[in-house]
N, C-alpha and C. Protein backbone atom coordinates (compact mmCIF):
# COMPACT_ATOMS: atom_id res chain seq x y z
N UNK A 1 8.15 -10.46 5.29
CA UNK A 1 8.95 -9.87 5.91
C UNK A 1 8.53 -8.89 7.22
N UNK A 2 9.25 -9.46 8.36
CA UNK A 2 8.88 -8.80 9.59
C UNK A 2 9.55 -7.86 9.90
N UNK A 3 10.38 -6.97 8.92
CA UNK A 3 10.78 -5.73 9.81
C UNK A 3 10.04 -4.82 9.54
N UNK A 4 10.66 -3.67 10.47
CA UNK A 4 9.92 -2.56 10.49
C UNK A 4 10.18 -1.37 9.39
N UNK A 5 9.84 -0.55 8.85
CA UNK A 5 9.99 0.21 7.85
C UNK A 5 9.63 1.25 7.89
N UNK A 6 10.58 2.10 7.26
CA UNK A 6 9.70 3.63 7.12
C UNK A 6 10.28 4.72 5.91
N UNK A 7 9.46 4.61 5.26
CA UNK A 7 10.04 5.42 3.89
C UNK A 7 9.33 6.77 3.84
N UNK A 8 10.12 7.77 3.68
CA UNK A 8 9.86 9.25 3.49
C UNK A 8 10.48 10.28 2.42
N UNK A 9 9.97 10.97 2.19
CA UNK A 9 10.54 12.01 1.29
C UNK A 9 11.02 13.09 1.92
N UNK A 10 11.93 13.58 1.61
CA UNK A 10 12.65 15.08 2.39
C UNK A 10 13.68 16.01 1.50
N UNK A 11 13.44 17.24 2.02
CA UNK A 11 13.77 18.08 1.22
C UNK A 11 15.61 18.24 1.55
N UNK A 12 16.07 18.82 0.69
CA UNK A 12 17.62 19.01 0.85
C UNK A 12 18.00 19.87 2.09
N UNK A 13 17.04 20.50 2.71
CA UNK A 13 17.68 21.07 4.11
C UNK A 13 16.77 20.25 5.32
N UNK A 14 16.12 18.95 5.01
CA UNK A 14 15.90 18.30 6.28
C UNK A 14 14.25 18.29 6.55
N UNK A 15 13.21 19.03 5.61
CA UNK A 15 12.25 19.03 5.65
C UNK A 15 11.16 17.60 5.00
N UNK A 16 10.53 17.08 6.05
CA UNK A 16 9.61 16.22 5.10
C UNK A 16 7.91 16.62 4.79
N UNK A 17 7.32 17.74 5.08
CA UNK A 17 6.54 18.60 4.96
C UNK A 17 6.86 20.18 4.98
N UNK A 18 6.08 20.89 4.28
CA UNK A 18 6.33 21.93 4.24
C UNK A 18 5.19 22.82 5.54
N UNK A 19 5.42 24.10 5.73
CA UNK A 19 4.72 24.61 6.49
C UNK A 19 3.40 25.05 6.21
N UNK A 20 2.29 25.26 7.36
CA UNK A 20 1.19 25.68 6.95
C UNK A 20 0.24 24.47 6.65
N UNK A 21 0.17 22.89 7.05
CA UNK A 21 -0.43 21.98 6.46
C UNK A 21 -2.03 22.73 6.48
N UNK A 22 -2.75 21.91 5.77
CA UNK A 22 -4.10 22.53 5.70
C UNK A 22 -5.27 21.33 4.82
N UNK A 23 -6.26 21.75 4.79
CA UNK A 23 -7.28 20.51 4.00
C UNK A 23 -6.88 21.29 2.32
N UNK A 24 -6.26 22.37 2.02
CA UNK A 24 -5.85 22.87 1.00
C UNK A 24 -4.34 22.40 0.73
N UNK A 25 -3.49 22.02 1.62
CA UNK A 25 -2.01 21.70 1.25
C UNK A 25 -1.98 21.04 2.27
N UNK A 26 -2.37 19.23 2.23
CA UNK A 26 -1.97 18.50 3.20
C UNK A 26 -0.55 18.04 3.56
N UNK A 27 0.16 18.46 2.97
CA UNK A 27 1.87 18.51 2.76
C UNK A 27 2.33 19.56 3.11
N UNK A 28 1.75 20.66 3.37
CA UNK A 28 2.29 21.90 3.75
C UNK A 28 2.50 22.86 2.60
N UNK A 29 2.55 23.89 2.67
CA UNK A 29 3.39 25.02 1.42
C UNK A 29 4.00 24.45 0.70
N UNK A 30 4.26 23.96 -0.59
CA UNK A 30 5.20 23.13 -1.38
C UNK A 30 5.64 21.94 -0.98
N UNK A 31 4.88 21.25 -0.03
CA UNK A 31 5.26 20.01 0.47
C UNK A 31 5.55 19.00 -1.00
N UNK A 32 4.49 19.23 -1.75
CA UNK A 32 4.20 18.74 -3.02
C UNK A 32 5.46 18.54 -3.81
N UNK A 33 6.29 19.16 -3.65
CA UNK A 33 7.57 19.21 -4.85
C UNK A 33 8.82 18.07 -4.38
N UNK A 34 8.24 17.45 -2.95
CA UNK A 34 9.22 16.49 -2.18
C UNK A 34 8.71 14.76 -3.16
N UNK A 35 7.26 15.10 -3.81
CA UNK A 35 6.86 13.68 -4.03
C UNK A 35 6.39 13.69 -5.39
N UNK A 36 7.17 14.82 -6.21
CA UNK A 36 6.98 14.49 -7.74
C UNK A 36 7.37 13.44 -8.37
N UNK A 37 8.54 12.54 -7.57
CA UNK A 37 8.69 11.35 -8.24
C UNK A 37 7.91 10.38 -8.31
N UNK A 38 6.75 9.97 -7.70
CA UNK A 38 5.81 9.27 -7.90
C UNK A 38 4.36 9.74 -7.53
N UNK A 39 4.34 10.85 -8.46
CA UNK A 39 2.91 11.59 -8.37
C UNK A 39 2.59 11.89 -9.38
N UNK A 40 3.29 11.54 -11.07
CA UNK A 40 3.12 11.59 -12.23
C UNK A 40 3.73 12.79 -13.17
N UNK A 41 4.86 13.07 -12.60
CA UNK A 41 5.74 13.99 -13.31
C UNK A 41 6.15 13.27 -14.26
N UNK A 42 6.24 13.88 -15.57
CA UNK A 42 7.09 13.19 -16.78
C UNK A 42 8.36 12.80 -16.85
N UNK A 43 9.08 13.34 -15.98
CA UNK A 43 10.37 13.23 -15.85
C UNK A 43 11.02 11.79 -15.18
N UNK A 44 10.02 11.67 -14.32
CA UNK A 44 9.75 10.10 -13.45
C UNK A 44 10.91 9.12 -14.41
N UNK A 45 11.62 8.23 -14.00
CA UNK A 45 12.82 7.34 -14.59
C UNK A 45 12.35 6.03 -14.35
N UNK A 46 12.91 5.31 -14.52
CA UNK A 46 12.76 3.82 -13.95
C UNK A 46 13.35 3.54 -12.42
N UNK A 47 14.10 4.41 -12.22
CA UNK A 47 14.68 4.57 -10.96
C UNK A 47 13.51 4.95 -10.13
N UNK A 48 12.43 5.70 -10.42
CA UNK A 48 11.82 6.38 -9.51
C UNK A 48 10.56 5.11 -9.47
N UNK A 49 10.39 4.35 -10.64
CA UNK A 49 9.21 3.40 -10.47
C UNK A 49 9.79 2.19 -9.22
N UNK A 50 10.95 1.97 -9.42
CA UNK A 50 11.80 0.83 -8.47
C UNK A 50 11.24 1.74 -6.89
N UNK A 51 11.49 2.86 -6.91
CA UNK A 51 11.35 3.49 -5.32
C UNK A 51 9.85 3.51 -5.31
N UNK A 52 9.32 3.42 -5.85
CA UNK A 52 7.70 3.17 -5.87
C UNK A 52 7.36 1.95 -5.59
N UNK A 53 7.82 0.97 -5.94
CA UNK A 53 7.58 -0.24 -5.63
C UNK A 53 8.07 -0.29 -4.15
N UNK A 54 9.38 0.28 -3.50
CA UNK A 54 9.27 -0.05 -2.59
C UNK A 54 8.52 0.92 -1.20
N UNK A 55 7.92 1.72 -1.76
CA UNK A 55 7.13 2.58 -1.05
C UNK A 55 5.72 1.99 -0.94
N UNK A 56 5.27 1.24 -2.24
CA UNK A 56 3.95 1.03 -2.04
C UNK A 56 4.16 -0.84 -1.60
N UNK A 57 4.97 -1.39 -1.25
CA UNK A 57 4.86 -2.94 -1.24
C UNK A 57 4.02 -3.21 0.02
N UNK A 58 3.56 -4.06 0.36
CA UNK A 58 2.13 -4.24 1.41
C UNK A 58 3.34 -4.57 2.41
N UNK A 59 2.48 -4.35 3.49
CA UNK A 59 3.04 -4.38 4.84
C UNK A 59 1.95 -4.90 6.06
N UNK A 60 1.97 -5.90 6.82
CA UNK A 60 1.16 -6.41 8.04
C UNK A 60 0.20 -5.03 8.85
N UNK A 61 0.97 -3.97 9.05
CA UNK A 61 0.52 -3.17 9.74
C UNK A 61 0.79 -1.72 9.74
N UNK A 62 0.55 -0.69 10.40
CA UNK A 62 0.54 0.84 9.92
C UNK A 62 0.76 1.64 11.04
N UNK A 63 1.69 2.42 11.54
CA UNK A 63 1.77 3.50 12.39
C UNK A 63 1.70 4.69 11.74
N UNK A 64 0.89 5.85 12.26
CA UNK A 64 0.64 6.96 11.30
C UNK A 64 0.40 8.36 12.64
N UNK A 65 1.09 9.31 12.41
CA UNK A 65 0.39 10.54 13.52
C UNK A 65 -0.68 10.90 12.67
N UNK A 66 -1.59 11.76 14.01
CA UNK A 66 -2.82 12.37 13.52
C UNK A 66 -2.82 13.71 12.40
N UNK A 67 -1.37 14.31 12.67
CA UNK A 67 -1.47 15.10 11.51
C UNK A 67 -1.15 14.57 10.15
N UNK A 68 -0.72 13.21 9.88
CA UNK A 68 -1.02 12.35 8.52
C UNK A 68 -2.38 12.12 8.25
N UNK A 69 -3.08 11.60 9.56
CA UNK A 69 -4.36 11.14 9.15
C UNK A 69 -5.44 12.07 8.68
N UNK A 70 -5.02 13.67 8.85
CA UNK A 70 -6.08 14.41 8.56
C UNK A 70 -5.76 15.71 8.92
N UNK A 71 -6.53 16.62 8.58
CA UNK A 71 -6.18 18.32 9.35
C UNK A 71 -7.11 18.67 10.33
N UNK A 72 -8.01 17.50 11.07
CA UNK A 72 -9.08 18.10 11.99
C UNK A 72 -7.83 18.06 13.25
N UNK A 73 -8.22 19.26 14.12
CA UNK A 73 -7.44 19.40 15.29
C UNK A 73 -8.29 19.06 16.18
N UNK A 74 -7.63 18.69 17.45
CA UNK A 74 -8.59 18.70 18.75
C UNK A 74 -9.77 17.89 18.95
N UNK A 75 -11.04 17.74 19.62
CA UNK A 75 -11.96 16.87 19.37
C UNK A 75 -12.02 16.44 18.34
N UNK A 76 -12.50 15.09 18.04
CA UNK A 76 -13.04 14.62 16.29
C UNK A 76 -14.64 15.29 16.50
N UNK A 77 -14.75 16.49 15.87
CA UNK A 77 -16.11 17.07 15.93
C UNK A 77 -16.82 16.87 14.35
N UNK A 78 -15.89 16.25 13.53
CA UNK A 78 -16.42 15.76 12.35
C UNK A 78 -15.99 14.68 11.81
N UNK A 79 -16.71 13.71 11.04
CA UNK A 79 -16.63 12.70 10.53
C UNK A 79 -15.57 12.53 9.28
N UNK A 80 -14.25 13.04 9.96
CA UNK A 80 -13.21 12.74 9.18
C UNK A 80 -12.69 11.32 8.73
N UNK A 81 -12.36 11.13 7.82
CA UNK A 81 -12.18 9.56 7.71
C UNK A 81 -10.97 9.44 6.57
N UNK A 82 -9.57 10.26 6.75
CA UNK A 82 -8.78 10.42 6.28
C UNK A 82 -8.67 10.92 4.87
N UNK A 83 -7.43 11.54 4.45
CA UNK A 83 -7.40 11.69 2.76
C UNK A 83 -7.76 10.99 1.42
N UNK A 84 -7.79 9.69 2.13
CA UNK A 84 -7.43 8.62 0.69
C UNK A 84 -8.75 8.01 -0.19
N UNK A 85 -10.16 8.79 0.40
CA UNK A 85 -11.24 8.33 -0.29
C UNK A 85 -12.00 6.75 0.54
N UNK A 86 -12.88 6.12 -0.10
CA UNK A 86 -13.47 4.92 0.76
C UNK A 86 -12.43 4.25 0.72
N UNK A 87 -11.30 4.09 -0.21
CA UNK A 87 -10.50 2.64 0.12
C UNK A 87 -9.29 3.32 0.07
N UNK A 88 -8.49 3.53 1.35
CA UNK A 88 -7.61 3.64 1.48
C UNK A 88 -6.16 2.87 0.75
N UNK A 89 -4.65 3.18 0.89
CA UNK A 89 -3.93 2.23 0.04
C UNK A 89 -3.09 1.34 0.58
N UNK A 90 -3.92 1.35 2.49
CA UNK A 90 -3.22 0.36 3.19
C UNK A 90 -3.05 -0.82 3.23
N UNK A 91 -4.73 -1.32 3.26
CA UNK A 91 -5.33 -2.73 2.94
C UNK A 91 -4.78 -3.47 4.35
N UNK A 92 -4.77 -2.83 5.32
CA UNK A 92 -3.96 -3.37 6.75
C UNK A 92 -4.97 -2.55 7.76
N UNK A 93 -4.48 -3.20 8.75
CA UNK A 93 -4.43 -1.85 10.36
C UNK A 93 -3.61 -0.91 10.24
N UNK A 94 -4.10 0.04 10.22
CA UNK A 94 -3.50 1.36 10.80
C UNK A 94 -3.96 2.14 11.90
N UNK A 95 -2.60 2.29 12.56
CA UNK A 95 -2.39 2.67 14.27
C UNK A 95 -2.62 4.32 14.50
N UNK A 96 -3.04 5.03 14.26
CA UNK A 96 -3.04 6.39 14.37
C UNK A 96 -2.57 6.98 16.07
N UNK A 97 -2.09 7.52 16.31
CA UNK A 97 -1.18 8.60 17.50
C UNK A 97 -2.30 9.97 17.55
N UNK A 98 -3.19 9.68 18.73
CA UNK A 98 -3.59 10.82 19.02
C UNK A 98 -3.98 11.35 20.67
N UNK A 99 -4.64 12.49 20.62
CA UNK A 99 -4.76 12.50 22.30
C UNK A 99 -6.23 12.54 22.66
N UNK A 100 -7.19 12.08 21.73
CA UNK A 100 -8.50 12.34 21.74
C UNK A 100 -8.95 11.03 20.88
N UNK A 101 -9.42 10.02 22.23
CA UNK A 101 -10.18 9.09 21.72
C UNK A 101 -11.42 8.80 20.49
N UNK A 102 -11.35 8.01 19.85
CA UNK A 102 -12.42 7.90 18.92
C UNK A 102 -12.05 6.44 18.03
N UNK A 103 -13.91 5.70 18.17
CA UNK A 103 -14.24 4.39 17.81
C UNK A 103 -13.30 4.36 16.28
N UNK A 104 -12.71 2.72 16.33
CA UNK A 104 -12.19 2.82 14.89
C UNK A 104 -13.22 3.03 13.47
N UNK A 105 -12.67 2.90 12.68
CA UNK A 105 -12.99 3.13 11.47
C UNK A 105 -12.67 2.03 10.44
N UNK A 106 -13.73 1.57 10.02
CA UNK A 106 -13.71 0.18 8.80
C UNK A 106 -13.80 0.99 7.48
N UNK A 107 -12.75 0.86 6.74
CA UNK A 107 -12.70 1.04 5.35
C UNK A 107 -13.13 0.03 4.29
N UNK A 108 -13.14 0.33 3.39
CA UNK A 108 -13.07 -0.66 1.95
C UNK A 108 -11.90 -1.28 2.04
N UNK A 109 -11.54 -2.39 1.35
CA UNK A 109 -10.17 -2.89 0.90
C UNK A 109 -9.25 -3.58 2.19
N UNK A 110 -9.58 -3.63 3.28
CA UNK A 110 -9.48 -4.19 4.52
C UNK A 110 -8.54 -3.29 5.43
N UNK A 111 -8.85 -2.26 4.85
CA UNK A 111 -8.07 -0.87 6.30
C UNK A 111 -9.02 -0.68 7.01
N UNK A 112 -8.48 -0.62 8.24
CA UNK A 112 -9.18 -0.23 9.43
C UNK A 112 -8.15 0.62 10.14
N UNK A 113 -8.66 2.05 10.38
CA UNK A 113 -8.05 3.02 11.05
C UNK A 113 -8.13 2.50 12.50
N UNK A 114 -7.03 2.41 13.93
CA UNK A 114 -7.33 2.42 14.81
C UNK A 114 -6.79 3.70 15.63
N UNK A 115 -7.43 4.47 16.54
CA UNK A 115 -7.02 5.64 17.16
C UNK A 115 -6.09 5.27 18.81
N UNK A 116 -5.22 5.68 18.79
CA UNK A 116 -4.53 5.02 20.69
C UNK A 116 -4.41 6.51 20.98
N UNK A 117 -4.42 6.37 21.98
CA UNK A 117 -4.11 7.48 22.87
C UNK A 117 -3.29 7.11 24.01
N UNK A 118 -2.68 6.35 24.12
CA UNK A 118 -1.42 5.56 25.03
C UNK A 118 -0.17 6.22 24.25
N UNK A 119 0.31 6.69 23.45
CA UNK A 119 1.23 6.76 23.06
C UNK A 119 2.12 5.77 21.84
N UNK A 120 3.31 5.92 21.60
CA UNK A 120 3.77 5.47 20.39
C UNK A 120 4.17 4.12 20.68
N UNK A 121 4.74 3.92 21.90
CA UNK A 121 5.20 2.23 22.04
C UNK A 121 3.97 1.73 22.28
N UNK A 122 2.67 2.45 22.68
CA UNK A 122 1.27 1.21 22.48
C UNK A 122 1.09 1.53 21.41
N UNK A 123 0.81 2.34 20.24
CA UNK A 123 0.41 1.87 19.01
C UNK A 123 1.34 1.25 18.31
N UNK A 124 2.77 1.20 18.67
CA UNK A 124 3.74 0.23 17.81
C UNK A 124 3.52 -1.35 18.16
N UNK A 125 3.57 -1.30 19.87
CA UNK A 125 3.29 -3.04 20.12
C UNK A 125 1.68 -3.36 19.17
N UNK A 126 1.03 -2.79 19.27
CA UNK A 126 -0.68 -3.08 18.61
C UNK A 126 -0.25 -3.42 17.24
N UNK A 127 0.67 -2.56 16.99
CA UNK A 127 0.81 -2.86 15.16
C UNK A 127 1.65 -3.78 14.77
N UNK A 128 2.29 -4.34 15.79
CA UNK A 128 3.43 -5.34 15.79
C UNK A 128 2.61 -7.03 15.84
N UNK A 129 1.27 -6.42 16.56
CA UNK A 129 0.45 -7.97 17.19
C UNK A 129 0.08 -7.99 15.86
N UNK A 130 -0.85 -6.94 15.26
CA UNK A 130 -1.73 -7.01 14.20
C UNK A 130 -0.88 -7.51 12.91
N UNK A 131 0.00 -7.41 12.85
CA UNK A 131 0.80 -7.41 11.43
C UNK A 131 0.83 -8.97 11.23
N UNK A 132 1.31 -10.07 12.23
CA UNK A 132 0.88 -10.97 12.29
C UNK A 132 2.52 -11.64 11.57
N UNK A 133 3.49 -10.77 11.75
CA UNK A 133 4.85 -11.39 11.12
C UNK A 133 4.93 -11.16 10.10
N UNK A 134 3.87 -9.92 9.31
CA UNK A 134 4.05 -9.57 7.80
C UNK A 134 4.86 -7.76 7.89
N UNK A 135 5.31 -7.46 9.25
CA UNK A 135 6.45 -6.65 8.69
C UNK A 135 5.22 -5.24 9.45
N UNK A 136 5.65 -4.13 9.76
CA UNK A 136 4.96 -2.84 10.22
C UNK A 136 5.96 -1.76 9.55
N UNK A 137 5.05 -0.76 9.24
CA UNK A 137 5.32 0.08 8.33
C UNK A 137 5.52 1.81 9.07
N UNK A 138 6.16 2.49 9.54
CA UNK A 138 5.85 3.92 10.15
C UNK A 138 5.72 4.34 8.71
N UNK A 139 4.52 5.20 8.88
CA UNK A 139 4.01 5.84 7.67
C UNK A 139 4.35 7.15 7.86
N UNK A 140 4.43 8.03 8.99
CA UNK A 140 4.92 9.44 9.21
C UNK A 140 3.64 10.02 9.90
N UNK A 141 3.57 11.16 10.49
CA UNK A 141 4.52 12.14 9.95
C UNK A 141 6.10 12.55 10.75
N UNK A 142 6.31 13.60 10.32
CA UNK A 142 7.72 14.07 11.03
C UNK A 142 8.14 13.18 12.27
N UNK A 143 7.16 13.89 12.82
CA UNK A 143 6.85 13.69 14.69
C UNK A 143 6.97 12.00 15.12
N UNK A 144 5.76 11.33 14.46
CA UNK A 144 5.42 9.85 14.49
C UNK A 144 6.85 9.33 13.88
N UNK A 145 7.57 9.58 13.12
CA UNK A 145 9.12 8.54 12.43
C UNK A 145 9.95 9.04 13.70
N UNK A 146 10.19 10.45 13.91
CA UNK A 146 11.25 10.77 15.24
C UNK A 146 10.67 9.87 16.38
N UNK A 147 9.79 9.67 16.87
CA UNK A 147 9.39 8.58 17.82
C UNK A 147 9.78 6.99 17.80
N UNK A 148 9.84 6.92 16.13
CA UNK A 148 10.00 5.22 15.73
C UNK A 148 11.97 5.19 15.94
N UNK A 149 12.31 6.38 15.58
CA UNK A 149 13.94 6.16 15.68
C UNK A 149 14.39 6.35 16.70
N UNK A 150 13.73 7.23 17.60
CA UNK A 150 14.11 7.53 19.01
C UNK A 150 14.35 5.84 19.91
N UNK A 151 13.15 5.50 19.31
CA UNK A 151 12.48 3.88 20.19
C UNK A 151 14.04 2.80 19.62
N UNK A 152 14.16 3.43 18.30
CA UNK A 152 15.05 2.47 17.68
C UNK A 152 14.37 1.13 17.03
N UNK A 153 12.86 1.57 16.88
CA UNK A 153 12.49 0.29 16.20
C UNK A 153 12.32 -0.11 14.92
N UNK A 154 13.17 1.09 13.57
CA UNK A 154 13.16 1.09 12.37
C UNK A 154 14.20 0.11 12.10
N UNK A 155 13.99 -1.18 11.06
CA UNK A 155 15.04 -1.49 10.79
C UNK A 155 15.51 -1.17 9.24
N UNK A 156 14.82 -0.90 8.47
CA UNK A 156 14.82 -0.10 7.17
C UNK A 156 14.25 1.44 6.99
N UNK A 157 15.27 1.94 6.40
CA UNK A 157 14.63 3.53 6.55
C UNK A 157 15.21 3.90 4.90
N UNK A 158 14.21 4.50 4.40
CA UNK A 158 14.38 4.88 2.96
C UNK A 158 14.22 6.39 2.78
N UNK A 159 15.29 7.01 2.40
CA UNK A 159 14.62 8.61 2.19
C UNK A 159 15.03 8.81 0.60
N UNK A 160 13.81 9.58 0.36
CA UNK A 160 14.07 10.17 -1.32
C UNK A 160 14.44 11.73 -0.74
N UNK A 161 15.30 11.93 -1.56
CA UNK A 161 16.17 13.04 -1.30
C UNK A 161 15.42 14.16 -2.32
N UNK A 162 14.76 14.96 -2.29
CA UNK A 162 14.37 15.72 -3.54
C UNK A 162 15.36 16.85 -3.67
N UNK A 163 15.82 17.49 -4.62
CA UNK A 163 16.87 18.83 -4.70
C UNK A 163 15.50 19.91 -4.85
N UNK A 164 15.12 20.08 -3.61
CA UNK A 164 14.73 21.03 -2.72
C UNK A 164 14.78 21.77 -1.51
N UNK A 165 14.48 22.95 -1.68
CA UNK A 165 14.99 23.63 -0.29
C UNK A 165 13.63 23.99 0.03
N UNK A 166 12.97 23.58 1.15
CA UNK A 166 11.36 24.27 1.55
C UNK A 166 11.80 25.68 2.71
N UNK A 167 12.87 25.35 3.50
CA UNK A 167 13.00 26.32 4.11
C UNK A 167 12.62 26.65 5.61
N UNK A 168 11.30 25.87 5.94
CA UNK A 168 10.52 25.60 6.89
C UNK A 168 9.58 24.50 6.66
N UNK A 169 8.74 24.17 7.77
CA UNK A 169 8.12 23.02 7.62
C UNK A 169 8.07 22.07 8.91
N UNK A 170 7.99 20.89 8.55
CA UNK A 170 8.39 19.75 9.49
C UNK A 170 9.43 19.03 9.58
N UNK A 171 10.69 19.04 10.35
CA UNK A 171 11.51 18.27 10.21
C UNK A 171 11.62 16.81 10.99
N UNK A 172 12.20 15.81 10.13
CA UNK A 172 12.43 14.93 10.91
C UNK A 172 13.54 14.61 11.87
N UNK A 173 14.66 14.56 11.79
CA UNK A 173 15.51 14.34 12.71
C UNK A 173 15.68 15.03 13.65
N UNK A 174 15.44 16.16 13.90
CA UNK A 174 15.52 17.21 15.09
C UNK A 174 15.32 16.06 16.69
N UNK A 175 16.20 16.22 17.21
CA UNK A 175 16.10 15.78 18.62
C UNK A 175 16.54 13.78 18.55
N UNK A 176 17.06 13.60 17.03
CA UNK A 176 17.36 11.83 16.96
C UNK A 176 19.10 12.63 17.22
N UNK A 177 19.19 11.92 18.16
CA UNK A 177 21.14 12.08 18.53
C UNK A 177 21.79 11.12 17.85
N UNK A 178 21.54 9.71 17.48
CA UNK A 178 22.35 8.50 16.72
C UNK A 178 21.28 8.37 15.42
N UNK A 179 22.27 8.08 14.16
CA UNK A 179 21.50 7.87 13.10
C UNK A 179 21.39 6.47 12.88
N UNK A 180 22.47 5.33 13.30
CA UNK A 180 22.65 3.98 13.57
C UNK A 180 22.54 3.27 12.21
N UNK A 181 22.42 4.00 10.99
CA UNK A 181 21.98 3.18 9.81
C UNK A 181 22.97 3.35 8.71
N UNK A 182 23.43 2.15 7.77
CA UNK A 182 24.07 2.62 6.77
C UNK A 182 23.47 2.09 5.16
N UNK A 183 23.56 3.09 4.31
CA UNK A 183 23.51 2.88 3.20
C UNK A 183 23.77 1.28 2.39
N UNK A 184 22.48 0.89 2.08
CA UNK A 184 22.37 -0.33 1.38
C UNK A 184 22.40 -0.28 -0.20
N UNK A 185 21.40 0.63 -0.56
CA UNK A 185 20.99 0.94 -1.89
C UNK A 185 20.86 2.17 -2.25
N UNK A 186 21.24 2.65 -3.44
CA UNK A 186 21.00 4.16 -4.00
C UNK A 186 20.81 4.55 -5.34
N UNK A 187 19.59 4.84 -5.67
CA UNK A 187 18.92 5.03 -6.77
C UNK A 187 18.75 6.60 -7.32
N UNK A 188 18.75 6.63 -8.30
CA UNK A 188 18.70 8.16 -8.36
C UNK A 188 18.04 8.79 -9.94
N UNK A 189 17.45 10.06 -9.88
CA UNK A 189 16.60 10.55 -10.97
C UNK A 189 16.90 11.87 -10.99
N UNK A 190 16.29 12.56 -11.75
CA UNK A 190 16.37 14.26 -12.11
C UNK A 190 15.46 14.92 -10.30
N UNK A 191 14.56 13.93 -10.37
CA UNK A 191 13.46 14.23 -9.49
C UNK A 191 13.75 13.62 -7.88
N UNK A 192 14.77 12.65 -7.74
CA UNK A 192 15.19 12.49 -6.21
C UNK A 192 16.31 11.52 -6.14
N UNK A 193 16.85 11.62 -5.21
CA UNK A 193 17.78 10.48 -4.81
C UNK A 193 17.56 9.53 -3.79
N UNK A 194 17.57 8.29 -4.29
CA UNK A 194 16.50 7.10 -3.29
C UNK A 194 17.45 6.62 -2.47
N UNK A 195 17.70 6.34 -1.54
CA UNK A 195 18.48 5.97 -0.61
C UNK A 195 17.84 4.90 0.46
N UNK A 196 18.30 3.60 0.31
CA UNK A 196 17.84 2.82 1.16
C UNK A 196 18.46 2.34 2.19
N UNK A 197 18.63 2.42 3.71
CA UNK A 197 19.40 2.19 4.74
C UNK A 197 18.73 1.24 5.56
N UNK A 198 19.74 0.35 5.82
CA UNK A 198 19.51 -0.65 7.00
C UNK A 198 20.24 -0.53 8.46
N UNK A 199 19.54 -0.86 9.33
CA UNK A 199 20.32 -0.71 10.70
C UNK A 199 21.42 -1.18 10.74
N UNK A 200 22.30 -0.60 11.46
CA UNK A 200 23.59 -1.27 12.14
C UNK A 200 23.65 -2.25 12.94
N UNK A 201 24.29 -3.52 12.69
CA UNK A 201 23.76 -4.12 13.85
C UNK A 201 24.81 -4.07 14.90
N UNK A 202 23.82 -4.00 16.45
CA UNK A 202 25.10 -3.70 17.69
C UNK A 202 25.75 -5.05 17.97
N UNK A 203 27.12 -4.52 18.29
CA UNK A 203 28.06 -5.81 18.52
C UNK A 203 27.90 -5.98 19.64
């Protein structure tokens, strides 16, 4: 499937990560509450399992922001290789937006992280080329997703709306002037309402 997808968990007040992201809190303070539907909560239902399948479906390449890749800021002054251990879950090229150049990192299982300093459009173009028609996923975080929405490249957007109010953190839709999607499937559980949207065709 050659579509560009994006799948994000979000709070009722529009945050996809909590404040004060750090090594100890990679999703920010209380950010993990947005993801309980797929990280082992015993209240998870069949709907959450189906949505997890949407989240984990293989893609040909990924684009993510540096904040999602890790907590290191500024120059790469340590050998940070991502949150995911020796074998990240992507199994495909991942293009990381950054202002600081770095050599590519090849991981186990087919994931290679490429660091792109020329901006979102360049990272996305490289991801499309690397995907070989198997589709690109905009993996996050908030700033990268905003850029993808503003560029109009997302064909399918899935939001997992958690019944949580974070109050502050990283917003995804700030600066996005037009939504341009319609819902095509909805699943729900006590932990999240999973809404799959498709871009509305322009007449």
